[in-house]
């Protein structure tokens, strides 16, 4: 019996996507340069960080959808703009 997850809807046992977190830095095993997509989301969050007096943002979603990688990417982008 297969454990139910959101990928079962697509007849997959697990996520077909790369699941390791990307990191900033020269020594990173998986560098942030590999990050693709989510430009609209990252721009919206960066505007919220730099354009509002209260810069708190929240990223929510199910496990395995890239929230941590998105946060790492935004952190690197914010550091580059600061």
PDB file of N, CA and C in Angstrom:
ATOM      1  N   UNK A   1       0.835  -1.181   0.000  1.00  0.00           N
ATOM      2  CA  UNK A   1       0.000   0.000   0.000  1.00  0.00           C
ATOM      3  C   UNK A   1       0.886   1.252   0.000  1.00  0.00           C
ATOM      4  N   UNK A   2       0.654   2.141  -0.922  1.00  0.00           N
ATOM      5  CA  UNK A   2       1.440   3.361  -1.041  1.00  0.00           C
ATOM      6  C   UNK A   2       0.982   4.402  -0.015  1.00  0.00           C
ATOM      7  N   UNK A   3       1.944   5.117   0.515  1.00  0.00           N
ATOM      8  CA  UNK A   3       1.620   6.222   1.412  1.00  0.00           C
ATOM      9  C   UNK A   3       1.082   7.366   0.567  1.00  0.00           C
ATOM     10  N   UNK A   4      -0.024   7.934   0.996  1.00  0.00           N
ATOM     11  CA  UNK A   4      -0.642   9.010   0.222  1.00  0.00           C
ATOM     12  C   UNK A   4       0.154  10.300   0.360  1.00  0.00           C
ATOM     13  N   UNK A   5       0.369  10.953  -0.742  1.00  0.00           N
ATOM     14  CA  UNK A   5       0.977  12.271  -0.764  1.00  0.00           C
ATOM     15  C   UNK A   5       0.407  13.029  -1.954  1.00  0.00           C
ATOM     16  N   UNK A   6       0.747  14.296  -2.067  1.00  0.00           N
ATOM     17  CA  UNK A   6       0.177  15.104  -3.136  1.00  0.00           C
ATOM     18  C   UNK A   6       0.653  14.682  -4.524  1.00  0.00           C
ATOM     19  N   UNK A   7       1.691  13.894  -4.618  1.00  0.00           N
ATOM     20  CA  UNK A   7       2.169  13.447  -5.929  1.00  0.00           C
ATOM     21  C   UNK A   7       1.396  12.243  -6.436  1.00  0.00           C
ATOM     22  N   UNK A   8       0.670  11.549  -5.554  1.00  0.00           N
ATOM     23  CA  UNK A   8      -0.133  10.416  -5.982  1.00  0.00           C
ATOM     24  C   UNK A   8      -1.191  10.836  -7.009  1.00  0.00           C
ATOM     25  N   UNK A   9      -1.641  12.074  -6.921  1.00  0.00           N
ATOM     26  CA  UNK A   9      -2.629  12.566  -7.880  1.00  0.00           C
ATOM     27  C   UNK A   9      -2.083  12.525  -9.306  1.00  0.00           C
ATOM     28  N   UNK A  10      -0.762  12.564  -9.442  1.00  0.00           N
ATOM     29  CA  UNK A  10      -0.120  12.512 -10.757  1.00  0.00           C
ATOM     30  C   UNK A  10       0.482  11.138 -11.048  1.00  0.00           C
ATOM     31  N   UNK A  11       0.095  10.160 -10.235  1.00  0.00           N
ATOM     32  CA  UNK A  11       0.556   8.783 -10.397  1.00  0.00           C
ATOM     33  C   UNK A  11       2.059   8.645 -10.143  1.00  0.00           C
ATOM     34  N   UNK A  12       2.590   9.458  -9.232  1.00  0.00           N
ATOM     35  CA  UNK A  12       4.004   9.418  -8.872  1.00  0.00           C
ATOM     36  C   UNK A  12       4.151   9.005  -7.417  1.00  0.00           C
ATOM     37  N   UNK A  13       5.212   8.286  -7.086  1.00  0.00           N
ATOM     38  CA  UNK A  13       5.465   7.897  -5.703  1.00  0.00           C
ATOM     39  C   UNK A  13       6.046   9.030  -4.876  1.00  0.00           C
ATOM     40  N   UNK A  14       6.812   9.891  -5.530  1.00  0.00           N
ATOM     41  CA  UNK A  14       7.434  11.013  -4.837  1.00  0.00           C
ATOM     42  C   UNK A  14       7.595  12.167  -5.823  1.00  0.00           C
ATOM     43  N   UNK A  15       8.060  13.292  -5.327  1.00  0.00           N
ATOM     44  CA  UNK A  15       8.237  14.471  -6.158  1.00  0.00           C
ATOM     45  C   UNK A  15       9.233  14.197  -7.279  1.00  0.00           C
ATOM     46  N   UNK A  16       8.916  14.624  -8.496  1.00  0.00           N
ATOM     47  CA  UNK A  16       9.860  14.465  -9.604  1.00  0.00           C
ATOM     48  C   UNK A  16      10.893  15.583  -9.647  1.00  0.00           C
ATOM     49  N   UNK A  17      10.816  16.517  -8.726  1.00  0.00           N
ATOM     50  CA  UNK A  17      11.669  17.697  -8.742  1.00  0.00           C
ATOM     51  C   UNK A  17      12.877  17.534  -7.837  1.00  0.00           C
ATOM     52  N   UNK A  18      13.910  18.287  -8.142  1.00  0.00           N
ATOM     53  CA  UNK A  18      15.114  18.354  -7.327  1.00  0.00           C
ATOM     54  C   UNK A  18      14.719  18.831  -5.934  1.00  0.00           C
ATOM     55  N   UNK A  19      15.087  18.092  -4.896  1.00  0.00           N
ATOM     56  CA  UNK A  19      14.590  18.377  -3.556  1.00  0.00           C
ATOM     57  C   UNK A  19      15.608  18.966  -2.591  1.00  0.00           C
ATOM     58  N   UNK A  20      16.876  19.054  -2.961  1.00  0.00           N
ATOM     59  CA  UNK A  20      17.875  19.586  -2.039  1.00  0.00           C
ATOM     60  C   UNK A  20      17.836  21.105  -2.033  1.00  0.00           C
ATOM     61  N   UNK A  21      18.102  21.686  -0.869  1.00  0.00           N
ATOM     62  CA  UNK A  21      18.092  23.131  -0.723  1.00  0.00           C
ATOM     63  C   UNK A  21      19.308  23.749  -1.410  1.00  0.00           C
ATOM     64  N   UNK A  22      19.069  24.828  -2.138  1.00  0.00           N
ATOM     65  CA  UNK A  22      20.154  25.570  -2.765  1.00  0.00           C
ATOM     66  C   UNK A  22      20.671  26.597  -1.765  1.00  0.00           C
ATOM     67  N   UNK A  23      21.975  26.846  -1.789  1.00  0.00           N
ATOM     68  CA  UNK A  23      22.598  27.756  -0.829  1.00  0.00           C
ATOM     69  C   UNK A  23      23.451  28.784  -1.548  1.00  0.00           C
ATOM     70  N   UNK A  24      23.618  29.918  -0.904  1.00  0.00           N
ATOM     71  CA  UNK A  24      24.509  30.958  -1.419  1.00  0.00           C
ATOM     72  C   UNK A  24      25.929  30.632  -1.004  1.00  0.00           C
ATOM     73  N   UNK A  25      26.888  31.145  -1.733  1.00  0.00           N
ATOM     74  CA  UNK A  25      28.288  30.963  -1.363  1.00  0.00           C
ATOM     75  C   UNK A  25      29.061  30.166  -2.394  1.00  0.00           C
ATOM     76  N   UNK A  26      30.342  30.409  -2.412  1.00  0.00           N
ATOM     77  CA  UNK A  26      31.232  29.762  -3.378  1.00  0.00           C
ATOM     78  C   UNK A  26      31.349  28.267  -3.103  1.00  0.00           C
ATOM     79  N   UNK A  27      31.336  27.884  -1.840  1.00  0.00           N
ATOM     80  CA  UNK A  27      31.535  26.483  -1.468  1.00  0.00           C
ATOM     81  C   UNK A  27      30.245  25.664  -1.447  1.00  0.00           C
ATOM     82  N   UNK A  28      29.132  26.253  -1.839  1.00  0.00           N
ATOM     83  CA  UNK A  28      27.848  25.550  -1.770  1.00  0.00           C
ATOM     84  C   UNK A  28      27.838  24.357  -2.721  1.00  0.00           C
ATOM     85  N   UNK A  29      27.375  23.238  -2.213  1.00  0.00           N
ATOM     86  CA  UNK A  29      27.272  22.036  -3.052  1.00  0.00           C
ATOM     87  C   UNK A  29      26.244  22.253  -4.161  1.00  0.00           C
ATOM     88  N   UNK A  30      25.128  22.879  -3.800  1.00  0.00           N
ATOM     89  CA  UNK A  30      24.090  23.220  -4.765  1.00  0.00           C
ATOM     90  C   UNK A  30      23.888  24.735  -4.709  1.00  0.00           C
ATOM     91  N   UNK A  31      24.551  25.497  -5.590  1.00  0.00           N
ATOM     92  CA  UNK A  31      24.507  26.960  -5.523  1.00  0.00           C
ATOM     93  C   UNK A  31      23.159  27.530  -5.960  1.00  0.00           C
ATOM     94  N   UNK A  32      22.877  28.730  -5.489  1.00  0.00           N
ATOM     95  CA  UNK A  32      21.633  29.412  -5.845  1.00  0.00           C
ATOM     96  C   UNK A  32      21.534  29.726  -7.330  1.00  0.00           C
ATOM     97  N   UNK A  33      22.635  29.624  -8.043  1.00  0.00           N
ATOM     98  CA  UNK A  33      22.595  29.835  -9.496  1.00  0.00           C
ATOM     99  C   UNK A  33      21.683  28.823 -10.186  1.00  0.00           C
ATOM    100  N   UNK A  34      21.407  27.712  -9.529  1.00  0.00           N
ATOM    101  CA  UNK A  34      20.532  26.685 -10.090  1.00  0.00           C
ATOM    102  C   UNK A  34      19.054  27.039  -9.930  1.00  0.00           C
ATOM    103  N   UNK A  35      18.764  28.087  -9.166  1.00  0.00           N
ATOM    104  CA  UNK A  35      17.375  28.481  -8.907  1.00  0.00           C
ATOM    105  C   UNK A  35      16.730  29.012 -10.175  1.00  0.00           C
ATOM    106  N   UNK A  36      15.572  28.477 -10.530  1.00  0.00           N
ATOM    107  CA  UNK A  36      14.813  28.942 -11.689  1.00  0.00           C
ATOM    108  C   UNK A  36      13.350  29.074 -11.295  1.00  0.00           C
ATOM    109  N   UNK A  37      12.677  29.981 -11.949  1.00  0.00           N
ATOM    110  CA  UNK A  37      11.266  30.179 -11.677  1.00  0.00           C
ATOM    111  C   UNK A  37      11.021  31.044 -10.458  1.00  0.00           C
ATOM    112  N   UNK A  38       9.770  31.237 -10.148  1.00  0.00           N
ATOM    113  CA  UNK A  38       9.343  31.998  -8.970  1.00  0.00           C
ATOM    114  C   UNK A  38       9.802  33.450  -8.974  1.00  0.00           C
ATOM    115  N   UNK A  39      10.053  34.026 -10.151  1.00  0.00           N
ATOM    116  CA  UNK A  39      10.487  35.412 -10.213  1.00  0.00           C
ATOM    117  C   UNK A  39       9.409  36.355  -9.677  1.00  0.00           C
ATOM    118  N   UNK A  40       8.157  36.109 -10.026  1.00  0.00           N
ATOM    119  CA  UNK A  40       7.072  36.974  -9.554  1.00  0.00           C
ATOM    120  C   UNK A  40       6.953  36.925  -8.036  1.00  0.00           C
ATOM    121  N   UNK A  41       7.029  35.727  -7.477  1.00  0.00           N
ATOM    122  CA  UNK A  41       6.920  35.586  -6.028  1.00  0.00           C
ATOM    123  C   UNK A  41       8.084  36.261  -5.318  1.00  0.00           C
ATOM    124  N   UNK A  42       9.299  36.053  -5.836  1.00  0.00           N
ATOM    125  CA  UNK A  42      10.469  36.638  -5.174  1.00  0.00           C
ATOM    126  C   UNK A  42      10.453  38.166  -5.293  1.00  0.00           C
ATOM    127  N   UNK A  43      10.039  38.707  -6.428  1.00  0.00           N
ATOM    128  CA  UNK A  43       9.949  40.160  -6.578  1.00  0.00           C
ATOM    129  C   UNK A  43       8.909  40.748  -5.633  1.00  0.00           C
ATOM    130  N   UNK A  44       7.788  40.065  -5.492  1.00  0.00           N
ATOM    131  CA  UNK A  44       6.735  40.545  -4.597  1.00  0.00           C
ATOM    132  C   UNK A  44       7.209  40.561  -3.145  1.00  0.00           C
ATOM    133  N   UNK A  45       7.921  39.531  -2.736  1.00  0.00           N
ATOM    134  CA  UNK A  45       8.437  39.462  -1.369  1.00  0.00           C
ATOM    135  C   UNK A  45       9.515  40.528  -1.158  1.00  0.00           C
ATOM    136  N   UNK A  46      10.415  40.688  -2.132  1.00  0.00           N
ATOM    137  CA  UNK A  46      11.456  41.715  -2.009  1.00  0.00           C
ATOM    138  C   UNK A  46      10.859  43.119  -1.934  1.00  0.00           C
ATOM    139  N   UNK A  47       9.806  43.377  -2.704  1.00  0.00           N
ATOM    140  CA  UNK A  47       9.127  44.675  -2.613  1.00  0.00           C
ATOM    141  C   UNK A  47       8.537  44.864  -1.225  1.00  0.00           C
ATOM    142  N   UNK A  48       8.003  43.805  -0.664  1.00  0.00           N
ATOM    143  CA  UNK A  48       7.460  43.879   0.691  1.00  0.00           C
ATOM    144  C   UNK A  48       8.536  44.123   1.726  1.00  0.00           C
ATOM    145  N   UNK A  49       9.694  43.542   1.522  1.00  0.00           N
ATOM    146  CA  UNK A  49      10.800  43.716   2.470  1.00  0.00           C
ATOM    147  C   UNK A  49      11.350  45.136   2.415  1.00  0.00           C
ATOM    148  N   UNK A  50      11.576  45.642   1.203  1.00  0.00           N
ATOM    149  CA  UNK A  50      12.210  46.947   1.054  1.00  0.00           C
ATOM    150  C   UNK A  50      11.214  48.103   0.984  1.00  0.00           C
ATOM    151  N   UNK A  51       9.954  47.822   0.722  1.00  0.00           N
ATOM    152  CA  UNK A  51       9.006  48.902   0.503  1.00  0.00           C
ATOM    153  C   UNK A  51       8.020  49.146   1.624  1.00  0.00           C
ATOM    154  N   UNK A  52       8.158  48.471   2.737  1.00  0.00           N
ATOM    155  CA  UNK A  52       7.206  48.638   3.836  1.00  0.00           C
ATOM    156  C   UNK A  52       7.957  48.811   5.144  1.00  0.00           C
ATOM    157  N   UNK A  53       7.365  49.573   6.089  1.00  0.00           N
ATOM    158  CA  UNK A  53       8.026  49.731   7.387  1.00  0.00           C
ATOM    159  C   UNK A  53       8.131  48.411   8.147  1.00  0.00           C
ATOM    160  N   UNK A  54       7.160  47.543   7.976  1.00  0.00           N
ATOM    161  CA  UNK A  54       7.199  46.219   8.600  1.00  0.00           C
ATOM    162  C   UNK A  54       7.584  45.224   7.518  1.00  0.00           C
ATOM    163  N   UNK A  55       8.790  44.688   7.602  1.00  0.00           N
ATOM    164  CA  UNK A  55       9.314  43.868   6.506  1.00  0.00           C
ATOM    165  C   UNK A  55       9.081  42.370   6.691  1.00  0.00           C
ATOM    166  N   UNK A  56       8.267  41.978   7.623  1.00  0.00           N
ATOM    167  CA  UNK A  56       8.023  40.542   7.827  1.00  0.00           C
ATOM    168  C   UNK A  56       7.197  39.965   6.686  1.00  0.00           C
ATOM    169  N   UNK A  57       7.620  38.827   6.235  1.00  0.00           N
ATOM    170  CA  UNK A  57       6.947  38.117   5.157  1.00  0.00           C
ATOM    171  C   UNK A  57       6.765  36.673   5.588  1.00  0.00           C
ATOM    172  N   UNK A  58       5.803  35.998   4.995  1.00  0.00           N
ATOM    173  CA  UNK A  58       5.582  34.594   5.310  1.00  0.00           C
ATOM    174  C   UNK A  58       5.437  33.822   4.006  1.00  0.00           C
ATOM    175  N   UNK A  59       6.025  32.641   3.988  1.00  0.00           N
ATOM    176  CA  UNK A  59       5.918  31.743   2.841  1.00  0.00           C
ATOM    177  C   UNK A  59       5.333  30.449   3.373  1.00  0.00           C
ATOM    178  N   UNK A  60       4.163  30.082   2.882  1.00  0.00           N
ATOM    179  CA  UNK A  60       3.514  28.869   3.359  1.00  0.00           C
ATOM    180  C   UNK A  60       3.238  27.929   2.193  1.00  0.00           C
ATOM    181  N   UNK A  61       3.107  26.671   2.511  1.00  0.00           N
ATOM    182  CA  UNK A  61       2.793  25.676   1.505  1.00  0.00           C
ATOM    183  C   UNK A  61       3.159  24.293   1.991  1.00  0.00           C
ATOM    184  N   UNK A  62       2.768  23.320   1.240  1.00  0.00           N
ATOM    185  CA  UNK A  62       3.032  21.927   1.591  1.00  0.00           C
ATOM    186  C   UNK A  62       4.520  21.615   1.465  1.00  0.00           C
ATOM    187  N   UNK A  63       4.919  20.556   2.108  1.00  0.00           N
ATOM    188  CA  UNK A  63       6.320  20.117   2.061  1.00  0.00           C
ATOM    189  C   UNK A  63       6.728  19.758   0.640  1.00  0.00           C
ATOM    190  N   UNK A  64       7.958  20.118   0.300  1.00  0.00           N
ATOM    191  CA  UNK A  64       8.508  19.714  -0.995  1.00  0.00           C
ATOM    192  C   UNK A  64       8.241  20.660  -2.138  1.00  0.00           C
ATOM    193  N   UNK A  65       7.740  21.843  -1.866  1.00  0.00           N
ATOM    194  CA  UNK A  65       7.431  22.786  -2.938  1.00  0.00           C
ATOM    195  C   UNK A  65       8.456  23.897  -3.095  1.00  0.00           C
ATOM    196  N   UNK A  66       9.541  23.890  -2.308  1.00  0.00           N
ATOM    197  CA  UNK A  66      10.628  24.837  -2.509  1.00  0.00           C
ATOM    198  C   UNK A  66      10.580  26.095  -1.678  1.00  0.00           C
ATOM    199  N   UNK A  67       9.874  26.053  -0.551  1.00  0.00           N
ATOM    200  CA  UNK A  67       9.799  27.244   0.299  1.00  0.00           C
ATOM    201  C   UNK A  67      11.157  27.638   0.855  1.00  0.00           C
ATOM    202  N   UNK A  68      11.932  26.680   1.313  1.00  0.00           N
ATOM    203  CA  UNK A  68      13.243  26.970   1.880  1.00  0.00           C
ATOM    204  C   UNK A  68      14.182  27.521   0.815  1.00  0.00           C
ATOM    205  N   UNK A  69      14.174  26.941  -0.355  1.00  0.00           N
ATOM    206  CA  UNK A  69      15.022  27.435  -1.440  1.00  0.00           C
ATOM    207  C   UNK A  69      14.600  28.833  -1.854  1.00  0.00           C
ATOM    208  N   UNK A  70      13.300  29.091  -1.916  1.00  0.00           N
ATOM    209  CA  UNK A  70      12.817  30.428  -2.230  1.00  0.00           C
ATOM    210  C   UNK A  70      13.302  31.422  -1.179  1.00  0.00           C
ATOM    211  N   UNK A  71      13.223  31.054   0.089  1.00  0.00           N
ATOM    212  CA  UNK A  71      13.690  31.933   1.164  1.00  0.00           C
ATOM    213  C   UNK A  71      15.194  32.178   1.057  1.00  0.00           C
ATOM    214  N   UNK A  72      15.971  31.153   0.737  1.00  0.00           N
ATOM    215  CA  UNK A  72      17.421  31.322   0.567  1.00  0.00           C
ATOM    216  C   UNK A  72      17.717  32.260  -0.603  1.00  0.00           C
ATOM    217  N   UNK A  73      16.979  32.120  -1.679  1.00  0.00           N
ATOM    218  CA  UNK A  73      17.162  32.976  -2.862  1.00  0.00           C
ATOM    219  C   UNK A  73      16.837  34.427  -2.519  1.00  0.00           C
ATOM    220  N   UNK A  74      15.730  34.644  -1.844  1.00  0.00           N
ATOM    221  CA  UNK A  74      15.332  35.998  -1.470  1.00  0.00           C
ATOM    222  C   UNK A  74      16.337  36.600  -0.504  1.00  0.00           C
ATOM    223  N   UNK A  75      16.831  35.816   0.437  1.00  0.00           N
ATOM    224  CA  UNK A  75      17.848  36.288   1.373  1.00  0.00           C
ATOM    225  C   UNK A  75      19.093  36.760   0.619  1.00  0.00           C
ATOM    226  N   UNK A  76      19.548  35.999  -0.359  1.00  0.00           N
ATOM    227  CA  UNK A  76      20.722  36.375  -1.151  1.00  0.00           C
ATOM    228  C   UNK A  76      20.439  37.620  -1.974  1.00  0.00           C
ATOM    229  N   UNK A  77      19.242  37.711  -2.556  1.00  0.00           N
ATOM    230  CA  UNK A  77      18.878  38.895  -3.339  1.00  0.00           C
ATOM    231  C   UNK A  77      18.825  40.146  -2.460  1.00  0.00           C
ATOM    232  N   UNK A  78      18.262  40.004  -1.280  1.00  0.00           N
ATOM    233  CA  UNK A  78      18.168  41.134  -0.352  1.00  0.00           C
ATOM    234  C   UNK A  78      19.566  41.590   0.078  1.00  0.00           C
ATOM    235  N   UNK A  79      20.450  40.643   0.335  1.00  0.00           N
ATOM    236  CA  UNK A  79      21.812  40.991   0.729  1.00  0.00           C
ATOM    237  C   UNK A  79      22.548  41.695  -0.394  1.00  0.00           C
ATOM    238  N   UNK A  80      22.283  41.295  -1.637  1.00  0.00           N
ATOM    239  CA  UNK A  80      22.937  41.933  -2.772  1.00  0.00           C
ATOM    240  C   UNK A  80      22.433  43.358  -2.994  1.00  0.00           C
ATOM    241  N   UNK A  81      21.166  43.604  -2.651  1.00  0.00           N
ATOM    242  CA  UNK A  81      20.582  44.937  -2.829  1.00  0.00           C
ATOM    243  C   UNK A  81      20.899  45.880  -1.684  1.00  0.00           C
ATOM    244  N   UNK A  82      21.258  45.327  -0.541  1.00  0.00           N
ATOM    245  CA  UNK A  82      21.508  46.169   0.651  1.00  0.00           C
ATOM    246  C   UNK A  82      22.845  46.855   0.578  1.00  0.00           C
TER     247      UNK A  82
END
